[in-house]
């Protein structure tokens, strides 16, 4: 019988997860502080910044999908000690990511209004959002390079370098944002556009810094560009067969999240502002869970690549226990602190009421969201079960979650917090499917020996 807690597992988990947690914490704190700063400018600038950020949100999730696909192979190849294959995986994912980013950048720079019209009919929100997108759109080209290197470095066990570079970028973004939004430190007061310029500068410098550090520190990825380029069709097909479902999964999932945002936005402007506040708090709450989840994903991938499949099952059992206990504690704390959190924002009474109720729903179902995320990333994706993960995630969202939200908003005319609650139904479906897949033992795919 397996012990409830494995000390070696906990030690390795802590070693890997802490830097990932710190990286996520800095990123979320930076985003939260930016939301707080724009929140001081009123509901309309806050709503405009939130809707403009939807495009980067979609792009970042698509890039996360590409990076996740790269990390699936990297973790298993690293367990097998096959570095040449890792270099080729890096090259494929960089090229794919850059092509997609060029498309997003073109939309942001040339036709941003068409994108924003999907979410709101508020003319002032659209006007501000259009200008914001034309500023930050230039940064989209650097996103795939940064994200792919982060994910591949992590899968080789180097979790500190991404943490240090990302944290430095967040600090720079926060300081520049403070200076440019409010006209501090000798900078002009540019309001919500100041936050956009700060974001652009920080993302460009982040990309430059991670590339420089990779080569300066002579990491395993400090290779010549020609080592990433190859013409092996069988290998390319093998990579794309796993990477593309993950990428498509993230694209359709992010479009689904944006569909939720569009639904909330069409309720009223106060709903947009409340959802943005909830989202920033949600990101903050997820920091420790994502650290543990991604650390377990690395460990599980390494175990599968080295041929030790039984160990991967044990990692999942213990990881779920940790996630569940933490979620109950933090979810309860969120509900108890909802009034204090809401008081930090200069928002209308209606927006404040919406925010308090949204935080209550989030706190009550935090355990379900986090456990599902763990099963999805640490089990299905690390196990190479990307096709099942795709159909489960996208199917439950588009067949259950989005239709439920549409009914709540446009048929039953419910407030935004009840619509959000209805959208949570798909999480219950994913939970049941994840447990079934785990028990079936069909989620493990040893990709490096296929």
Protein backbone atom coordinates (compact mmCIF):
# COMPACT_ATOMS: atom_id res chain seq x y z
CA UNK A 1 0.00 0.00 0.00
CA UNK A 2 1.38 3.41 -0.97
CA UNK A 3 2.05 5.81 1.91
CA UNK A 4 -0.20 8.85 2.06
CA UNK A 5 2.79 11.21 1.84
CA UNK A 6 6.09 10.43 0.12
CA UNK A 7 8.88 12.57 1.61
CA UNK A 8 11.07 12.33 -1.48
CA UNK A 9 8.17 13.42 -3.65
CA UNK A 10 7.39 16.37 -1.37
CA UNK A 11 11.05 17.44 -1.33
CA UNK A 12 11.38 17.34 -5.13
CA UNK A 13 7.99 19.00 -5.54
CA UNK A 14 8.93 21.89 -3.26
CA UNK A 15 12.26 22.36 -5.04
CA UNK A 16 10.60 22.64 -8.45
CA UNK A 17 7.35 24.36 -7.51
CA UNK A 18 8.71 27.22 -5.39
CA UNK A 19 10.44 29.09 -8.27
CA UNK A 20 7.39 28.49 -10.50
CA UNK A 21 5.13 29.85 -7.75
CA UNK A 22 7.34 32.92 -7.33
CA UNK A 23 7.32 33.54 -11.09
CA UNK A 24 3.53 33.24 -11.21
CA UNK A 25 3.17 35.37 -8.08
CA UNK A 26 5.21 38.21 -9.54
CA UNK A 27 3.25 38.03 -12.81
CA UNK A 28 -0.12 38.05 -11.06
CA UNK A 29 0.86 40.75 -8.58
CA UNK A 30 2.03 42.88 -11.49
CA UNK A 31 -1.29 42.33 -13.28
CA UNK A 32 -3.25 42.99 -10.08
CA UNK A 33 -1.34 46.19 -9.38
CA UNK A 34 -1.94 47.33 -12.97
CA UNK A 35 -5.66 46.60 -12.55
CA UNK A 36 -5.65 48.56 -9.28
CA UNK A 37 -3.92 51.49 -10.96
CA UNK A 38 -6.32 51.57 -13.91
CA UNK A 39 -9.15 51.05 -11.43
CA UNK A 40 -8.30 54.44 -9.94
CA UNK A 41 -9.14 55.98 -13.32
CA UNK A 42 -12.78 54.81 -13.26
CA UNK A 43 -15.00 52.04 -14.64
CA UNK A 44 -14.58 52.93 -18.34
CA UNK A 45 -10.73 52.89 -18.47
CA UNK A 46 -10.78 49.70 -16.37
CA UNK A 47 -13.26 48.07 -18.75
CA UNK A 48 -11.33 49.24 -21.85
CA UNK A 49 -8.02 47.89 -20.53
CA UNK A 50 -9.68 44.61 -19.60
CA UNK A 51 -11.28 44.11 -23.01
CA UNK A 52 -8.12 45.13 -24.88
CA UNK A 53 -6.24 42.58 -22.79
CA UNK A 54 -8.57 39.86 -24.10
CA UNK A 55 -6.52 39.67 -27.31
CA UNK A 56 -3.26 39.18 -25.42
CA UNK A 57 -5.09 36.71 -23.19
CA UNK A 58 -6.06 34.61 -26.22
CA UNK A 59 -2.55 34.91 -27.69
CA UNK A 60 -0.84 34.01 -24.42
CA UNK A 61 -3.00 30.91 -24.03
CA UNK A 62 -2.29 29.82 -27.60
CA UNK A 63 1.41 30.32 -26.91
CA UNK A 64 0.99 28.46 -23.63
CA UNK A 65 -0.49 25.61 -25.66
CA UNK A 66 2.53 25.56 -27.97
CA UNK A 67 4.88 25.78 -24.99
CA UNK A 68 2.96 23.01 -23.22
CA UNK A 69 3.30 20.83 -26.28
CA UNK A 70 7.03 21.53 -26.29
CA UNK A 71 7.29 20.77 -22.57
CA UNK A 72 5.50 17.41 -22.96
CA UNK A 73 8.26 16.20 -25.28
CA UNK A 74 11.06 18.04 -23.48
CA UNK A 75 10.25 16.48 -20.10
CA UNK A 76 10.15 12.98 -21.58
CA UNK A 77 13.24 13.48 -23.76
CA UNK A 78 15.07 14.92 -20.75
CA UNK A 79 14.17 11.79 -18.78
CA UNK A 80 15.70 9.79 -21.64
CA UNK A 81 18.70 12.20 -21.88
CA UNK A 82 18.05 12.92 -25.58
CA UNK A 83 19.15 16.56 -26.00
CA UNK A 84 19.25 16.61 -29.81
CA UNK A 85 15.53 15.91 -29.97
CA UNK A 86 14.88 18.70 -27.44
CA UNK A 87 16.65 21.19 -29.74
CA UNK A 88 14.44 20.18 -32.66
CA UNK A 89 11.29 20.44 -30.54
CA UNK A 90 12.36 23.96 -29.56
CA UNK A 91 12.80 24.94 -33.21
CA UNK A 92 9.39 23.63 -34.32
CA UNK A 93 7.54 25.37 -31.50
CA UNK A 94 9.35 28.68 -32.01
CA UNK A 95 8.43 28.78 -35.70
CA UNK A 96 4.82 27.85 -35.04
CA UNK A 97 4.52 30.43 -32.25
CA UNK A 98 5.98 33.27 -34.30
CA UNK A 99 3.63 32.60 -37.23
CA UNK A 100 0.58 32.76 -34.96
CA UNK A 101 1.83 35.90 -33.20
CA UNK A 102 2.20 37.71 -36.52
CA UNK A 103 -1.50 37.12 -37.16
CA UNK A 104 -2.51 38.51 -33.75
CA UNK A 105 -0.21 41.50 -34.14
CA UNK A 106 -1.78 42.35 -37.51
CA UNK A 107 -5.28 42.36 -35.99
CA UNK A 108 -4.17 44.52 -33.04
CA UNK A 109 -2.44 47.08 -35.24
CA UNK A 110 -4.79 47.32 -38.22
CA UNK A 111 -8.31 46.18 -37.27
CA UNK A 112 -8.58 46.36 -33.44
CA UNK A 113 -12.10 47.82 -33.52
CA UNK A 114 -13.48 44.69 -35.19
CA UNK A 115 -12.15 42.63 -32.29
CA UNK A 116 -13.50 44.98 -29.59
CA UNK A 117 -16.95 45.21 -31.20
CA UNK A 118 -17.41 41.55 -30.26
CA UNK A 119 -17.38 42.41 -26.57
CA UNK A 120 -19.16 45.73 -26.13
CA UNK A 121 -21.16 48.48 -27.83
CA UNK A 122 -19.90 51.18 -25.44
CA UNK A 123 -18.30 53.74 -27.81
CA UNK A 124 -15.89 55.18 -25.22
CA UNK A 125 -14.71 51.75 -24.11
CA UNK A 126 -14.07 50.82 -27.76
CA UNK A 127 -12.23 54.08 -28.45
CA UNK A 128 -9.84 53.61 -25.53
CA UNK A 129 -9.44 49.88 -26.17
CA UNK A 130 -8.51 50.50 -29.82
CA UNK A 131 -5.69 52.86 -28.86
CA UNK A 132 -4.43 50.44 -26.20
CA UNK A 133 -4.26 47.55 -28.68
CA UNK A 134 -2.32 49.64 -31.19
CA UNK A 135 0.30 50.24 -28.51
CA UNK A 136 0.67 46.74 -27.03
CA UNK A 137 0.24 44.97 -30.39
CA UNK A 138 3.94 45.38 -31.17
CA UNK A 139 4.81 43.25 -28.14
CA UNK A 140 2.94 40.22 -29.50
CA UNK A 141 5.86 39.21 -31.71
CA UNK A 142 8.11 38.69 -28.66
CA UNK A 143 5.63 36.58 -26.68
CA UNK A 144 6.24 33.20 -28.41
CA UNK A 145 10.00 33.43 -27.99
CA UNK A 146 9.79 34.23 -24.29
CA UNK A 147 7.10 31.66 -23.48
CA UNK A 148 8.65 28.80 -25.42
CA UNK A 149 12.05 29.25 -23.79
CA UNK A 150 10.38 29.45 -20.37
CA UNK A 151 8.48 26.18 -20.86
CA UNK A 152 11.41 24.24 -22.33
CA UNK A 153 13.81 25.47 -19.64
CA UNK A 154 11.37 24.40 -16.93
CA UNK A 155 11.04 20.92 -18.42
CA UNK A 156 14.80 20.47 -18.22
CA UNK A 157 14.60 21.28 -14.50
CA UNK A 158 15.82 24.87 -14.84
CA UNK A 159 12.97 26.66 -13.08
CA UNK A 160 15.02 29.48 -11.56
CA UNK A 161 16.08 31.31 -14.72
CA UNK A 162 12.51 31.81 -16.04
CA UNK A 163 11.50 32.96 -12.58
CA UNK A 164 14.28 35.55 -12.32
CA UNK A 165 13.76 36.97 -15.82
CA UNK A 166 9.98 37.04 -15.58
CA UNK A 167 10.06 38.66 -12.13
CA UNK A 168 12.45 41.33 -13.34
CA UNK A 169 10.09 42.11 -16.21
CA UNK A 170 7.11 42.38 -13.87
CA UNK A 171 8.96 44.76 -11.55
CA UNK A 172 9.97 46.92 -14.52
CA UNK A 173 6.39 46.90 -15.86
CA UNK A 174 5.00 47.90 -12.45
CA UNK A 175 7.45 50.77 -11.91
CA UNK A 176 7.01 52.08 -15.45
CA UNK A 177 3.23 51.72 -15.16
CA UNK A 178 3.14 53.71 -11.93
CA UNK A 179 5.29 56.44 -13.48
CA UNK A 180 3.41 56.68 -16.77
CA UNK A 181 -0.15 56.23 -15.49
CA UNK A 182 0.05 58.87 -12.76
CA UNK A 183 2.92 61.05 -14.01
CA UNK A 184 5.39 60.09 -11.27
CA UNK A 185 9.21 59.88 -11.24
CA UNK A 186 9.43 62.71 -13.78
CA UNK A 187 7.33 60.91 -16.41
CA UNK A 188 4.24 62.40 -18.13
CA UNK A 189 0.79 61.37 -16.84
CA UNK A 190 -0.65 59.23 -19.66
CA UNK A 191 -3.46 57.46 -17.83
CA UNK A 192 -4.48 54.07 -19.19
CA UNK A 193 -2.14 54.51 -22.19
CA UNK A 194 0.80 54.75 -19.79
CA UNK A 195 0.08 51.22 -18.61
CA UNK A 196 0.06 50.07 -22.24
CA UNK A 197 3.47 51.60 -23.01
CA UNK A 198 4.91 50.15 -19.81
CA UNK A 199 3.64 46.74 -20.85
CA UNK A 200 5.20 47.03 -24.31
CA UNK A 201 8.62 48.05 -23.01
CA UNK A 202 8.67 45.32 -20.33
CA UNK A 203 7.75 42.51 -22.74
CA UNK A 204 10.39 43.47 -25.30
CA UNK A 205 13.14 43.69 -22.67
CA UNK A 206 11.98 40.40 -21.10
CA UNK A 207 12.49 38.59 -24.40
CA UNK A 208 15.93 40.12 -24.92
CA UNK A 209 16.98 39.23 -21.37
CA UNK A 210 15.92 35.57 -21.47
CA UNK A 211 17.79 35.00 -24.74
CA UNK A 212 20.90 36.71 -23.42
CA UNK A 213 20.82 34.73 -20.16
CA UNK A 214 20.32 31.40 -21.94
CA UNK A 215 23.60 31.90 -23.79
CA UNK A 216 25.49 33.81 -21.13
CA UNK A 217 24.88 31.05 -18.54
CA UNK A 218 25.55 28.35 -21.14
CA UNK A 219 22.31 26.48 -20.44
CA UNK A 220 21.46 23.30 -22.40
CA UNK A 221 19.51 25.55 -24.80
CA UNK A 222 22.56 27.67 -25.67
CA UNK A 223 22.76 26.16 -29.14
CA UNK A 224 23.34 27.35 -32.68
CA UNK A 225 20.19 28.17 -34.66
CA UNK A 226 20.96 25.47 -37.23
CA UNK A 227 20.62 22.84 -34.48
CA UNK A 228 16.90 23.73 -34.26
CA UNK A 229 16.32 23.34 -38.00
CA UNK A 230 15.76 19.90 -39.49
CA UNK A 231 13.91 18.22 -42.37
CA UNK A 232 12.82 14.92 -40.75
CA UNK A 233 9.15 14.65 -41.77
CA UNK A 234 8.47 11.74 -39.43
CA UNK A 235 9.80 13.64 -36.42
CA UNK A 236 7.96 16.81 -37.42
CA UNK A 237 4.69 14.88 -37.78
CA UNK A 238 5.25 13.28 -34.40
CA UNK A 239 5.71 16.67 -32.74
CA UNK A 240 2.81 18.36 -34.50
CA UNK A 241 0.45 15.47 -33.77
CA UNK A 242 0.78 16.31 -30.06
CA UNK A 243 1.47 20.05 -30.18
CA UNK A 244 -1.37 21.05 -32.51
CA UNK A 245 -4.18 19.52 -30.39
CA UNK A 246 -2.78 21.33 -27.33
CA UNK A 247 -2.52 24.59 -29.28
CA UNK A 248 -6.01 24.24 -30.74
CA UNK A 249 -7.26 23.34 -27.27
CA UNK A 250 -5.86 26.56 -25.80
CA UNK A 251 -7.13 28.62 -28.75
CA UNK A 252 -10.70 27.34 -28.49
CA UNK A 253 -10.59 27.50 -24.68
CA UNK A 254 -9.36 31.10 -24.77
CA UNK A 255 -12.04 31.96 -27.35
CA UNK A 256 -14.53 30.36 -24.97
CA UNK A 257 -13.27 32.51 -22.08
CA UNK A 258 -13.55 35.54 -24.35
CA UNK A 259 -17.09 34.43 -25.20
CA UNK A 260 -17.82 34.46 -21.48
CA UNK A 261 -16.34 37.97 -21.31
CA UNK A 262 -18.52 39.08 -24.22
CA UNK A 263 -21.59 37.64 -22.47
CA UNK A 264 -20.72 39.42 -19.21
CA UNK A 265 -19.92 42.65 -21.06
CA UNK A 266 -23.30 42.71 -22.78
CA UNK A 267 -25.04 42.58 -19.40
CA UNK A 268 -23.69 46.05 -18.49
CA UNK A 269 -20.41 47.98 -18.05
CA UNK A 270 -20.42 47.31 -14.28
CA UNK A 271 -20.32 43.60 -15.02
CA UNK A 272 -17.16 44.03 -17.13
CA UNK A 273 -15.41 45.90 -14.32
CA UNK A 274 -16.50 43.33 -11.70
CA UNK A 275 -15.36 40.40 -13.85
CA UNK A 276 -11.95 42.08 -14.39
CA UNK A 277 -11.49 42.46 -10.63
CA UNK A 278 -12.57 38.85 -10.06
CA UNK A 279 -10.18 37.66 -12.78
CA UNK A 280 -7.19 39.44 -11.22
CA UNK A 281 -7.99 37.89 -7.82
CA UNK A 282 -8.54 34.50 -9.44
CA UNK A 283 -5.10 34.68 -11.04
CA UNK A 284 -3.61 35.47 -7.64
CA UNK A 285 -5.41 32.56 -5.96
CA UNK A 286 -4.15 30.17 -8.64
CA UNK A 287 -0.47 30.97 -8.07
CA UNK A 288 0.36 28.17 -5.57
CA UNK A 289 -1.80 25.66 -7.42
CA UNK A 290 -0.14 26.29 -10.77
CA UNK A 291 3.29 26.03 -9.15
CA UNK A 292 2.47 22.58 -7.78
CA UNK A 293 0.69 21.53 -10.99
CA UNK A 294 3.54 22.47 -13.33
CA UNK A 295 6.15 20.99 -10.98
CA UNK A 296 4.23 17.70 -10.93
CA UNK A 297 3.90 17.85 -14.71
CA UNK A 298 7.68 18.01 -15.04
CA UNK A 299 8.18 15.13 -12.60
CA UNK A 300 5.51 12.99 -14.27
CA UNK A 301 6.95 13.63 -17.75
CA UNK A 302 10.46 12.73 -16.57
CA UNK A 303 9.13 9.55 -14.93
CA UNK A 304 7.29 8.45 -18.08
CA UNK A 305 10.30 9.21 -20.28
CA UNK A 306 12.54 7.11 -18.04
CA UNK A 307 10.03 4.23 -18.17
CA UNK A 308 8.82 4.47 -14.55
CA UNK A 309 5.07 4.70 -15.10
CA UNK A 310 4.01 3.54 -11.63
CA UNK A 311 5.80 6.49 -10.09
CA UNK A 312 3.70 8.85 -12.21
CA UNK A 313 0.50 7.42 -10.73
CA UNK A 314 1.78 8.03 -7.23
CA UNK A 315 2.72 11.61 -8.13
CA UNK A 316 -0.85 12.29 -9.28
CA UNK A 317 -2.46 10.79 -6.17
CA UNK A 318 -0.35 12.90 -3.84
CA UNK A 319 -0.59 16.02 -5.95
CA UNK A 320 -4.40 15.93 -5.94
CA UNK A 321 -4.44 15.62 -2.13
CA UNK A 322 -2.26 18.70 -1.74
CA UNK A 323 -4.31 20.73 -4.24
CA UNK A 324 -7.64 19.82 -2.62
CA UNK A 325 -6.58 20.73 0.93
CA UNK A 326 -5.04 24.03 -0.17
CA UNK A 327 -8.11 24.95 -2.21
CA UNK A 328 -10.48 24.46 0.73
CA UNK A 329 -8.35 26.73 2.92
CA UNK A 330 -7.79 29.50 0.36
CA UNK A 331 -11.35 29.37 -0.96
CA UNK A 332 -12.70 29.93 2.54
CA UNK A 333 -10.27 32.82 3.09
CA UNK A 334 -11.42 34.45 -0.16
CA UNK A 335 -15.07 34.35 0.88
CA UNK A 336 -14.28 35.79 4.32
CA UNK A 337 -12.16 38.59 2.83
CA UNK A 338 -14.45 39.59 -0.05
CA UNK A 339 -15.65 42.84 1.57
CA UNK A 340 -12.11 44.03 2.29
CA UNK A 341 -10.96 43.17 -1.24
CA UNK A 342 -13.85 45.07 -2.82
CA UNK A 343 -13.12 48.13 -0.67
CA UNK A 344 -9.69 48.51 -2.34
CA UNK A 345 -11.27 49.66 -5.62
CA UNK A 346 -12.89 53.00 -6.41
CA UNK A 347 -15.94 51.52 -8.08
CA UNK A 348 -19.69 52.10 -8.02
CA UNK A 349 -21.94 50.37 -5.48
CA UNK A 350 -23.37 48.14 -8.20
CA UNK A 351 -19.92 47.02 -9.34
CA UNK A 352 -18.95 46.38 -5.71
CA UNK A 353 -22.01 44.18 -5.16
CA UNK A 354 -21.28 42.21 -8.31
CA UNK A 355 -17.66 41.76 -7.27
CA UNK A 356 -18.52 40.46 -3.78
CA UNK A 357 -20.91 37.86 -5.19
CA UNK A 358 -18.46 36.77 -7.89
CA UNK A 359 -15.77 36.22 -5.26
CA UNK A 360 -18.20 34.11 -3.23
CA UNK A 361 -18.82 31.79 -6.20
CA UNK A 362 -15.09 31.60 -6.95
CA UNK A 363 -14.22 30.75 -3.34
CA UNK A 364 -16.89 28.06 -3.10
CA UNK A 365 -15.74 26.26 -6.24
CA UNK A 366 -11.99 26.89 -6.05
CA UNK A 367 -11.33 23.26 -5.14
CA UNK A 368 -13.12 22.06 -8.29
CA UNK A 369 -11.31 24.48 -10.60
CA UNK A 370 -7.85 23.70 -9.20
CA UNK A 371 -8.24 19.92 -9.08
CA UNK A 372 -9.47 19.93 -12.69
CA UNK A 373 -6.49 22.06 -13.72
CA UNK A 374 -4.14 19.58 -12.05
CA UNK A 375 -5.67 16.58 -13.79
CA UNK A 376 -5.64 18.44 -17.11
CA UNK A 377 -2.02 19.67 -17.07
CA UNK A 378 -0.15 17.29 -14.77
CA UNK A 379 -1.90 14.09 -15.84
CA UNK A 380 -3.38 14.34 -19.34
CA UNK A 381 -0.87 16.68 -20.96
CA UNK A 382 2.25 15.30 -19.28
CA UNK A 383 1.04 11.82 -20.12
CA UNK A 384 0.78 12.83 -23.78
CA UNK A 385 -2.99 12.26 -23.74
CA UNK A 386 -3.54 15.51 -25.62
CA UNK A 387 -6.43 14.40 -27.84
CA UNK A 388 -8.60 13.25 -24.93
CA UNK A 389 -7.67 16.43 -23.05
CA UNK A 390 -8.73 18.49 -26.07
CA UNK A 391 -12.16 16.89 -26.45
CA UNK A 392 -12.84 16.95 -22.72
CA UNK A 393 -11.87 20.57 -22.17
CA UNK A 394 -13.25 22.15 -25.33
CA UNK A 395 -16.32 19.94 -25.48
CA UNK A 396 -17.46 20.64 -21.92
CA UNK A 397 -16.93 24.39 -22.37
CA UNK A 398 -18.69 24.81 -25.71
CA UNK A 399 -21.45 22.24 -25.20
CA UNK A 400 -22.22 23.02 -21.56
CA UNK A 401 -20.49 26.10 -20.14
CA UNK A 402 -21.04 28.69 -22.87
CA UNK A 403 -24.68 27.66 -23.63
CA UNK A 404 -25.48 27.79 -19.89
CA UNK A 405 -24.02 31.31 -19.63
CA UNK A 406 -25.94 32.44 -22.73
CA UNK A 407 -29.21 31.17 -21.27
CA UNK A 408 -28.52 32.86 -17.95
CA UNK A 409 -27.63 36.23 -19.47
CA UNK A 410 -30.01 36.57 -22.41
CA UNK A 411 -32.97 34.29 -21.65
CA UNK A 412 -33.29 34.45 -17.87
CA UNK A 413 -31.69 37.94 -17.60
CA UNK A 414 -29.70 36.96 -14.49
CA UNK A 415 -27.06 39.15 -12.78
CA UNK A 416 -23.46 38.49 -13.76
CA UNK A 417 -22.64 36.40 -10.66
CA UNK A 418 -25.43 33.90 -11.40
CA UNK A 419 -24.32 33.70 -15.02
CA UNK A 420 -20.79 32.96 -13.78
CA UNK A 421 -22.21 30.24 -11.53
CA UNK A 422 -24.02 28.64 -14.46
CA UNK A 423 -20.79 28.67 -16.49
CA UNK A 424 -19.19 26.63 -13.70
CA UNK A 425 -21.35 23.59 -14.57
CA UNK A 426 -18.79 22.41 -17.14
CA UNK A 427 -16.21 22.02 -14.35
CA UNK A 428 -18.31 19.26 -12.80
CA UNK A 429 -18.35 17.38 -16.11
CA UNK A 430 -14.57 17.70 -16.49
CA UNK A 431 -14.04 16.47 -12.93
CA UNK A 432 -16.00 13.25 -13.60
CA UNK A 433 -14.23 12.63 -16.92
CA UNK A 434 -10.77 13.22 -15.41
CA UNK A 435 -11.33 10.69 -12.63
CA UNK A 436 -12.60 8.14 -15.15
CA UNK A 437 -9.56 8.67 -17.39
CA UNK A 438 -7.15 8.35 -14.46
CA UNK A 439 -8.66 5.03 -13.38
CA UNK A 440 -8.69 3.71 -16.95
CA UNK A 441 -4.85 3.87 -17.11
CA UNK A 442 -5.12 5.02 -20.74
CA UNK A 443 -3.69 8.51 -20.25
CA UNK A 444 -0.01 7.44 -20.35
CA UNK A 445 1.69 7.72 -23.75
CA UNK A 446 5.45 7.25 -23.79
CA UNK A 447 6.22 9.59 -26.67
CA UNK A 448 9.99 9.13 -26.70
CA UNK A 449 9.72 5.39 -27.32
CA UNK A 450 6.87 5.58 -29.87
